[in-house]
Amino acid sequence: MTLTAGETFSFYTRTESNPVPGDTLQVRVSTNGASNNVGSTTTSVGDFSILLTTVGTPASYPDVWTQVSAALTGFSGSVNGRIAFRYVCTDTLANCDYVGIDTVALDGTAAVPEPGMPLTLGIGATALAIVMRRRQKRA
C-alpha cells in the first residue's frame, strides 16, 4: 500500500486479565513494496527494519483494550510498503500468553487484511506481516 510519512497508524490491543508476563508487540514498516521478507531467524526482521513502536515490556502488557497510535517515520514522502505486527516472547516455556489486536486504521481510515491472508499470532520471537489496505468508501 502507499504509506506517507507522518500518517498515523493506530489499533487497539490487550491481553487477558492477570496475564503471564512476557508479551511484547512491535509495529514495523517495510518500504520495499510488496515484499513479505520477515527474516529467517527469531531475531531478524527482514525488510521490516523500521520500528514504529513497541507495546508492552517483558514484565507488563495492557490487560484492557488500549489504543496505540504511532506516526509513520523512518522514511520521507510516500513509498509503497507494508506494516507488520511482530509478537515477541523471550521465553515461551515460562512466559507469554497471547495478545489481541482490533480496529486497525491508517490516518483514521479502517484497514483490513488482504483477502485470503491468514491471521495468526504464534508464540515465540516471530514476525507476522499483515498486509493492510484501505477500505474503499462507497459512493
N, C-alpha and C. Protein backbone atom coordinates (compact mmCIF):
# COMPACT_ATOMS: atom_id res chain seq x y z
N MET A 1 0.83 -1.17 0.00
CA MET A 1 0.00 0.00 0.00
C MET A 1 0.88 1.24 0.00
N THR A 2 0.31 2.37 -0.32
CA THR A 2 1.06 3.61 -0.29
C THR A 2 1.08 4.13 1.14
N LEU A 3 2.27 4.33 1.66
CA LEU A 3 2.47 4.86 3.01
C LEU A 3 3.09 6.24 2.88
N THR A 4 2.57 7.19 3.65
CA THR A 4 3.08 8.55 3.61
C THR A 4 3.64 8.94 4.97
N ALA A 5 4.85 9.44 4.97
CA ALA A 5 5.48 9.86 6.23
C ALA A 5 4.56 10.83 6.96
N GLY A 6 4.41 10.62 8.25
CA GLY A 6 3.57 11.48 9.07
C GLY A 6 2.16 10.96 9.29
N GLU A 7 1.69 10.03 8.43
CA GLU A 7 0.37 9.44 8.66
C GLU A 7 0.37 8.73 10.01
N THR A 8 -0.82 8.59 10.59
CA THR A 8 -0.93 7.92 11.89
C THR A 8 -1.50 6.53 11.72
N PHE A 9 -0.78 5.54 12.24
CA PHE A 9 -1.23 4.15 12.27
C PHE A 9 -1.73 3.89 13.69
N SER A 10 -2.93 3.33 13.82
CA SER A 10 -3.47 3.08 15.16
C SER A 10 -4.20 1.74 15.21
N PHE A 11 -4.32 1.23 16.43
CA PHE A 11 -5.04 -0.02 16.68
C PHE A 11 -5.27 -0.13 18.18
N TYR A 12 -6.11 -1.06 18.57
CA TYR A 12 -6.33 -1.37 19.97
C TYR A 12 -5.72 -2.73 20.26
N THR A 13 -5.21 -2.90 21.47
CA THR A 13 -4.61 -4.18 21.84
C THR A 13 -4.83 -4.45 23.32
N ARG A 14 -4.77 -5.72 23.68
CA ARG A 14 -4.85 -6.14 25.08
C ARG A 14 -4.44 -7.60 25.18
N THR A 15 -4.22 -8.04 26.41
CA THR A 15 -4.04 -9.45 26.71
C THR A 15 -5.08 -9.80 27.77
N GLU A 16 -5.01 -10.98 28.33
CA GLU A 16 -6.00 -11.39 29.31
C GLU A 16 -5.78 -10.70 30.65
N SER A 17 -6.80 -10.73 31.52
CA SER A 17 -6.67 -10.20 32.88
C SER A 17 -5.66 -11.06 33.64
N ASN A 18 -4.88 -10.44 34.51
CA ASN A 18 -3.83 -11.14 35.26
C ASN A 18 -2.93 -11.95 34.33
N PRO A 19 -2.30 -11.31 33.37
CA PRO A 19 -1.53 -12.04 32.36
C PRO A 19 -0.24 -12.64 32.90
N VAL A 20 0.20 -13.66 32.20
CA VAL A 20 1.53 -14.20 32.40
C VAL A 20 2.50 -13.19 31.79
N PRO A 21 3.57 -12.81 32.49
CA PRO A 21 4.48 -11.82 31.91
C PRO A 21 5.18 -12.33 30.65
N GLY A 22 5.59 -11.40 29.80
CA GLY A 22 6.41 -11.75 28.65
C GLY A 22 5.91 -11.28 27.30
N ASP A 23 4.64 -10.86 27.20
CA ASP A 23 4.11 -10.42 25.90
C ASP A 23 4.68 -9.06 25.50
N THR A 24 5.15 -8.96 24.27
CA THR A 24 5.61 -7.71 23.69
C THR A 24 5.19 -7.70 22.22
N LEU A 25 4.74 -6.55 21.73
CA LEU A 25 4.29 -6.42 20.35
C LEU A 25 5.01 -5.25 19.70
N GLN A 26 5.65 -5.50 18.58
CA GLN A 26 6.30 -4.44 17.82
C GLN A 26 5.46 -4.12 16.59
N VAL A 27 5.43 -2.84 16.19
CA VAL A 27 4.83 -2.44 14.93
C VAL A 27 5.98 -2.00 14.05
N ARG A 28 6.10 -2.65 12.88
CA ARG A 28 7.24 -2.42 11.99
C ARG A 28 6.76 -2.07 10.58
N VAL A 29 7.63 -1.40 9.83
CA VAL A 29 7.32 -0.98 8.46
C VAL A 29 8.41 -1.47 7.52
N SER A 30 7.97 -1.93 6.34
CA SER A 30 8.87 -2.22 5.23
C SER A 30 8.54 -1.22 4.13
N THR A 31 9.55 -0.60 3.57
CA THR A 31 9.34 0.32 2.44
C THR A 31 9.77 -0.34 1.14
N ASN A 32 9.79 -1.66 1.14
CA ASN A 32 10.23 -2.43 -0.02
C ASN A 32 9.03 -3.00 -0.79
N GLY A 33 8.08 -2.16 -1.12
CA GLY A 33 6.94 -2.56 -1.95
C GLY A 33 6.16 -3.72 -1.37
N ALA A 34 5.93 -4.74 -2.20
CA ALA A 34 5.10 -5.89 -1.80
C ALA A 34 5.91 -6.99 -1.12
N SER A 35 7.13 -6.70 -0.70
CA SER A 35 7.96 -7.72 -0.06
C SER A 35 7.29 -8.28 1.18
N ASN A 36 7.44 -9.58 1.39
CA ASN A 36 6.96 -10.19 2.62
C ASN A 36 8.12 -10.86 3.36
N ASN A 37 9.33 -10.33 3.16
CA ASN A 37 10.53 -10.85 3.81
C ASN A 37 10.53 -10.42 5.27
N VAL A 38 10.21 -11.35 6.17
CA VAL A 38 10.18 -11.06 7.60
C VAL A 38 11.42 -11.59 8.32
N GLY A 39 12.41 -12.02 7.57
CA GLY A 39 13.62 -12.57 8.15
C GLY A 39 13.54 -14.07 8.26
N SER A 40 14.68 -14.68 8.53
CA SER A 40 14.72 -16.15 8.57
C SER A 40 15.08 -16.70 9.94
N THR A 41 15.32 -15.83 10.91
CA THR A 41 15.64 -16.28 12.26
C THR A 41 14.68 -15.62 13.25
N THR A 42 14.74 -16.04 14.50
CA THR A 42 13.84 -15.48 15.50
C THR A 42 14.19 -14.05 15.89
N THR A 43 15.36 -13.59 15.50
CA THR A 43 15.76 -12.22 15.84
C THR A 43 15.82 -11.28 14.64
N SER A 44 15.77 -11.81 13.42
CA SER A 44 15.85 -10.95 12.24
C SER A 44 14.47 -10.43 11.86
N VAL A 45 14.45 -9.28 11.19
CA VAL A 45 13.18 -8.65 10.81
C VAL A 45 13.04 -8.48 9.30
N GLY A 46 14.00 -8.98 8.54
CA GLY A 46 13.91 -8.89 7.08
C GLY A 46 13.81 -7.46 6.60
N ASP A 47 12.84 -7.21 5.71
CA ASP A 47 12.65 -5.87 5.15
C ASP A 47 11.89 -4.94 6.11
N PHE A 48 11.42 -5.45 7.23
CA PHE A 48 10.63 -4.65 8.18
C PHE A 48 11.57 -4.01 9.20
N SER A 49 12.50 -3.21 8.70
CA SER A 49 13.58 -2.66 9.52
C SER A 49 13.19 -1.41 10.29
N ILE A 50 12.08 -0.77 9.95
CA ILE A 50 11.66 0.44 10.65
C ILE A 50 10.74 0.07 11.80
N LEU A 51 11.17 0.36 13.02
CA LEU A 51 10.36 0.11 14.21
C LEU A 51 9.57 1.36 14.53
N LEU A 52 8.22 1.27 14.43
CA LEU A 52 7.37 2.42 14.76
C LEU A 52 7.14 2.54 16.25
N THR A 53 6.81 1.43 16.89
CA THR A 53 6.53 1.45 18.33
C THR A 53 6.58 0.04 18.88
N THR A 54 6.74 -0.04 20.18
CA THR A 54 6.68 -1.31 20.90
C THR A 54 5.65 -1.19 21.99
N VAL A 55 4.78 -2.19 22.10
CA VAL A 55 3.76 -2.21 23.14
C VAL A 55 4.17 -3.25 24.16
N GLY A 56 4.12 -2.88 25.41
CA GLY A 56 4.44 -3.81 26.48
C GLY A 56 5.92 -3.90 26.76
N THR A 57 6.22 -4.59 27.84
CA THR A 57 7.59 -4.89 28.25
C THR A 57 7.60 -6.36 28.62
N PRO A 58 8.76 -6.95 28.83
CA PRO A 58 8.75 -8.35 29.26
C PRO A 58 7.97 -8.57 30.57
N ALA A 59 7.75 -7.51 31.35
CA ALA A 59 7.04 -7.66 32.63
C ALA A 59 5.59 -7.22 32.58
N SER A 60 5.16 -6.50 31.54
CA SER A 60 3.82 -5.91 31.56
C SER A 60 3.27 -5.68 30.16
N TYR A 61 1.98 -5.95 29.98
CA TYR A 61 1.26 -5.69 28.73
C TYR A 61 -0.14 -5.24 29.12
N PRO A 62 -0.77 -4.30 28.39
CA PRO A 62 -2.11 -3.84 28.78
C PRO A 62 -3.10 -5.01 28.86
N ASP A 63 -3.88 -5.07 29.95
CA ASP A 63 -4.87 -6.14 30.08
C ASP A 63 -6.29 -5.62 29.90
N VAL A 64 -6.42 -4.39 29.43
CA VAL A 64 -7.70 -3.83 28.98
C VAL A 64 -7.45 -3.24 27.60
N TRP A 65 -8.49 -3.12 26.78
CA TRP A 65 -8.31 -2.59 25.43
C TRP A 65 -7.69 -1.20 25.53
N THR A 66 -6.55 -1.03 24.89
CA THR A 66 -5.77 0.20 24.93
C THR A 66 -5.45 0.61 23.51
N GLN A 67 -5.73 1.90 23.18
CA GLN A 67 -5.40 2.37 21.84
C GLN A 67 -3.92 2.74 21.77
N VAL A 68 -3.30 2.31 20.68
CA VAL A 68 -1.91 2.62 20.40
C VAL A 68 -1.88 3.37 19.08
N SER A 69 -1.16 4.49 19.04
CA SER A 69 -1.02 5.28 17.82
C SER A 69 0.44 5.61 17.60
N ALA A 70 0.86 5.59 16.35
CA ALA A 70 2.24 5.92 16.01
C ALA A 70 2.27 6.59 14.65
N ALA A 71 3.05 7.66 14.54
CA ALA A 71 3.24 8.32 13.25
C ALA A 71 4.21 7.50 12.41
N LEU A 72 3.93 7.41 11.12
CA LEU A 72 4.85 6.71 10.21
C LEU A 72 6.11 7.56 10.07
N THR A 73 7.24 6.99 10.46
CA THR A 73 8.52 7.67 10.41
C THR A 73 9.56 6.72 9.85
N GLY A 74 10.77 7.23 9.65
CA GLY A 74 11.87 6.39 9.17
C GLY A 74 12.04 6.45 7.66
N PHE A 75 11.21 7.24 6.99
CA PHE A 75 11.31 7.45 5.55
C PHE A 75 10.69 8.81 5.26
N SER A 76 10.87 9.30 4.05
CA SER A 76 10.29 10.60 3.70
C SER A 76 9.35 10.45 2.51
N GLY A 77 8.42 11.37 2.40
CA GLY A 77 7.47 11.35 1.28
C GLY A 77 6.55 10.16 1.34
N SER A 78 6.20 9.64 0.17
CA SER A 78 5.32 8.47 0.06
C SER A 78 6.10 7.31 -0.54
N VAL A 79 5.84 6.11 -0.02
CA VAL A 79 6.50 4.90 -0.50
C VAL A 79 5.48 3.78 -0.59
N ASN A 80 5.78 2.78 -1.39
CA ASN A 80 4.98 1.56 -1.39
C ASN A 80 5.59 0.63 -0.36
N GLY A 81 4.77 0.14 0.55
CA GLY A 81 5.30 -0.71 1.60
C GLY A 81 4.22 -1.46 2.35
N ARG A 82 4.62 -2.02 3.48
CA ARG A 82 3.73 -2.82 4.32
C ARG A 82 3.98 -2.51 5.78
N ILE A 83 2.96 -2.76 6.59
CA ILE A 83 3.05 -2.62 8.03
C ILE A 83 2.89 -4.01 8.64
N ALA A 84 3.68 -4.30 9.67
CA ALA A 84 3.64 -5.63 10.29
C ALA A 84 3.54 -5.52 11.80
N PHE A 85 2.87 -6.51 12.39
CA PHE A 85 2.89 -6.71 13.84
C PHE A 85 3.88 -7.84 14.09
N ARG A 86 4.79 -7.65 15.03
CA ARG A 86 5.76 -8.69 15.39
C ARG A 86 5.59 -9.01 16.87
N TYR A 87 5.09 -10.19 17.15
CA TYR A 87 4.87 -10.65 18.52
C TYR A 87 6.17 -11.27 19.02
N VAL A 88 6.69 -10.74 20.13
CA VAL A 88 7.97 -11.17 20.65
C VAL A 88 7.79 -11.72 22.06
N CYS A 89 8.34 -12.89 22.28
CA CYS A 89 8.30 -13.52 23.60
C CYS A 89 9.68 -14.12 23.85
N THR A 90 10.29 -13.75 24.97
CA THR A 90 11.66 -14.18 25.21
C THR A 90 11.78 -15.60 25.74
N ASP A 91 10.76 -16.12 26.40
CA ASP A 91 10.84 -17.46 26.98
C ASP A 91 9.47 -18.12 26.86
N THR A 92 9.27 -18.90 25.82
CA THR A 92 7.94 -19.47 25.57
C THR A 92 7.57 -20.59 26.53
N LEU A 93 8.52 -21.11 27.28
CA LEU A 93 8.20 -22.17 28.22
C LEU A 93 7.62 -21.64 29.52
N ALA A 94 8.04 -20.45 29.94
CA ALA A 94 7.60 -19.92 31.23
C ALA A 94 6.78 -18.65 31.11
N ASN A 95 6.92 -17.93 30.02
CA ASN A 95 6.28 -16.63 29.88
C ASN A 95 5.39 -16.57 28.65
N CYS A 96 4.69 -15.49 28.53
CA CYS A 96 3.87 -15.14 27.37
C CYS A 96 2.53 -15.87 27.40
N ASP A 97 1.62 -15.28 26.69
CA ASP A 97 0.27 -15.80 26.65
C ASP A 97 -0.27 -15.57 25.24
N TYR A 98 -0.94 -14.47 25.06
CA TYR A 98 -1.42 -14.07 23.75
C TYR A 98 -1.78 -12.59 23.82
N VAL A 99 -1.91 -11.96 22.66
CA VAL A 99 -2.37 -10.58 22.59
C VAL A 99 -3.49 -10.50 21.56
N GLY A 100 -4.39 -9.57 21.79
CA GLY A 100 -5.46 -9.30 20.84
C GLY A 100 -5.19 -7.99 20.12
N ILE A 101 -5.60 -7.90 18.87
CA ILE A 101 -5.46 -6.69 18.06
C ILE A 101 -6.81 -6.42 17.42
N ASP A 102 -7.26 -5.16 17.48
CA ASP A 102 -8.58 -4.82 16.94
C ASP A 102 -8.55 -3.39 16.41
N THR A 103 -9.48 -3.07 15.52
CA THR A 103 -9.73 -1.73 15.00
C THR A 103 -8.46 -1.07 14.48
N VAL A 104 -7.86 -1.69 13.49
CA VAL A 104 -6.64 -1.19 12.86
C VAL A 104 -7.00 -0.10 11.86
N ALA A 105 -6.27 1.03 11.91
CA ALA A 105 -6.57 2.14 10.99
C ALA A 105 -5.29 2.87 10.60
N LEU A 106 -5.31 3.45 9.42
CA LEU A 106 -4.23 4.31 8.95
C LEU A 106 -4.84 5.67 8.65
N ASP A 107 -4.42 6.70 9.39
CA ASP A 107 -4.99 8.05 9.31
C ASP A 107 -6.51 8.04 9.45
N GLY A 108 -7.01 7.24 10.36
CA GLY A 108 -8.43 7.22 10.66
C GLY A 108 -9.27 6.38 9.73
N THR A 109 -8.68 5.84 8.66
CA THR A 109 -9.42 5.01 7.72
C THR A 109 -9.20 3.55 8.09
N ALA A 110 -10.27 2.81 8.30
CA ALA A 110 -10.14 1.40 8.68
C ALA A 110 -9.33 0.66 7.63
N ALA A 111 -8.46 -0.21 8.11
CA ALA A 111 -7.66 -1.05 7.23
C ALA A 111 -7.94 -2.50 7.59
N VAL A 112 -7.96 -3.36 6.60
CA VAL A 112 -8.27 -4.77 6.83
C VAL A 112 -7.22 -5.63 6.17
N PRO A 113 -7.03 -6.88 6.63
CA PRO A 113 -6.08 -7.78 5.96
C PRO A 113 -6.51 -8.03 4.52
N GLU A 114 -5.54 -8.23 3.66
CA GLU A 114 -5.82 -8.57 2.26
C GLU A 114 -6.66 -9.84 2.21
N PRO A 115 -7.56 -9.96 1.26
CA PRO A 115 -8.36 -11.18 1.14
C PRO A 115 -7.46 -12.41 1.01
N GLY A 116 -7.81 -13.45 1.73
CA GLY A 116 -7.07 -14.69 1.64
C GLY A 116 -5.83 -14.77 2.52
N MET A 117 -5.47 -13.67 3.22
CA MET A 117 -4.29 -13.69 4.10
C MET A 117 -4.69 -14.29 5.44
N PRO A 118 -4.02 -15.34 5.89
CA PRO A 118 -4.32 -15.88 7.21
C PRO A 118 -3.81 -14.95 8.29
N LEU A 119 -4.52 -14.86 9.40
CA LEU A 119 -4.11 -14.02 10.52
C LEU A 119 -3.93 -14.90 11.74
N THR A 120 -2.67 -15.15 12.09
CA THR A 120 -2.37 -15.94 13.28
C THR A 120 -1.21 -15.31 14.01
N LEU A 121 -1.23 -15.39 15.32
CA LEU A 121 -0.11 -14.93 16.13
C LEU A 121 0.43 -16.13 16.86
N GLY A 122 1.67 -16.48 16.60
CA GLY A 122 2.27 -17.63 17.26
C GLY A 122 3.07 -17.22 18.47
N ILE A 123 3.44 -18.18 19.26
CA ILE A 123 4.27 -17.91 20.42
C ILE A 123 5.72 -18.02 19.99
N GLY A 124 6.55 -17.15 20.53
CA GLY A 124 7.97 -17.13 20.21
C GLY A 124 8.33 -15.83 19.54
N ALA A 125 9.58 -15.62 19.31
CA ALA A 125 10.05 -14.39 18.67
C ALA A 125 9.83 -14.54 17.17
N THR A 126 8.63 -14.31 16.74
CA THR A 126 8.28 -14.47 15.33
C THR A 126 7.80 -13.16 14.76
N ALA A 127 7.75 -13.09 13.48
CA ALA A 127 7.24 -11.90 12.82
C ALA A 127 6.06 -12.30 11.95
N LEU A 128 5.07 -11.47 11.94
CA LEU A 128 3.91 -11.71 11.11
C LEU A 128 3.62 -10.44 10.34
N ALA A 129 3.68 -10.52 9.04
CA ALA A 129 3.36 -9.36 8.23
C ALA A 129 1.88 -9.40 7.92
N ILE A 130 1.22 -8.35 8.25
CA ILE A 130 -0.20 -8.23 7.94
C ILE A 130 -0.31 -7.14 6.90
N VAL A 131 -0.68 -7.53 5.74
CA VAL A 131 -0.80 -6.60 4.64
C VAL A 131 -2.11 -5.86 4.81
N MET A 132 -2.02 -4.57 4.78
CA MET A 132 -3.19 -3.74 5.03
C MET A 132 -3.58 -3.01 3.75
N ARG A 133 -4.83 -2.78 3.60
CA ARG A 133 -5.27 -1.91 2.51
C ARG A 133 -6.40 -1.05 3.05
N ARG A 134 -6.54 0.10 2.52
CA ARG A 134 -7.59 0.98 2.96
C ARG A 134 -8.92 0.49 2.43
N ARG A 135 -9.92 0.47 3.28
CA ARG A 135 -11.26 0.08 2.87
C ARG A 135 -11.80 1.17 1.95
N GLN A 136 -12.29 0.77 0.82
CA GLN A 136 -12.83 1.70 -0.15
C GLN A 136 -14.14 2.30 0.35
N LYS A 137 -14.28 3.60 0.27
CA LYS A 137 -15.53 4.25 0.66
C LYS A 137 -16.55 4.07 -0.45
N ARG A 138 -17.78 3.80 -0.05
CA ARG A 138 -18.84 3.65 -1.04
C ARG A 138 -19.39 5.01 -1.42
N ALA A 139 -19.65 5.18 -2.69
CA ALA A 139 -20.16 6.47 -3.18
C ALA A 139 -21.64 6.60 -2.91
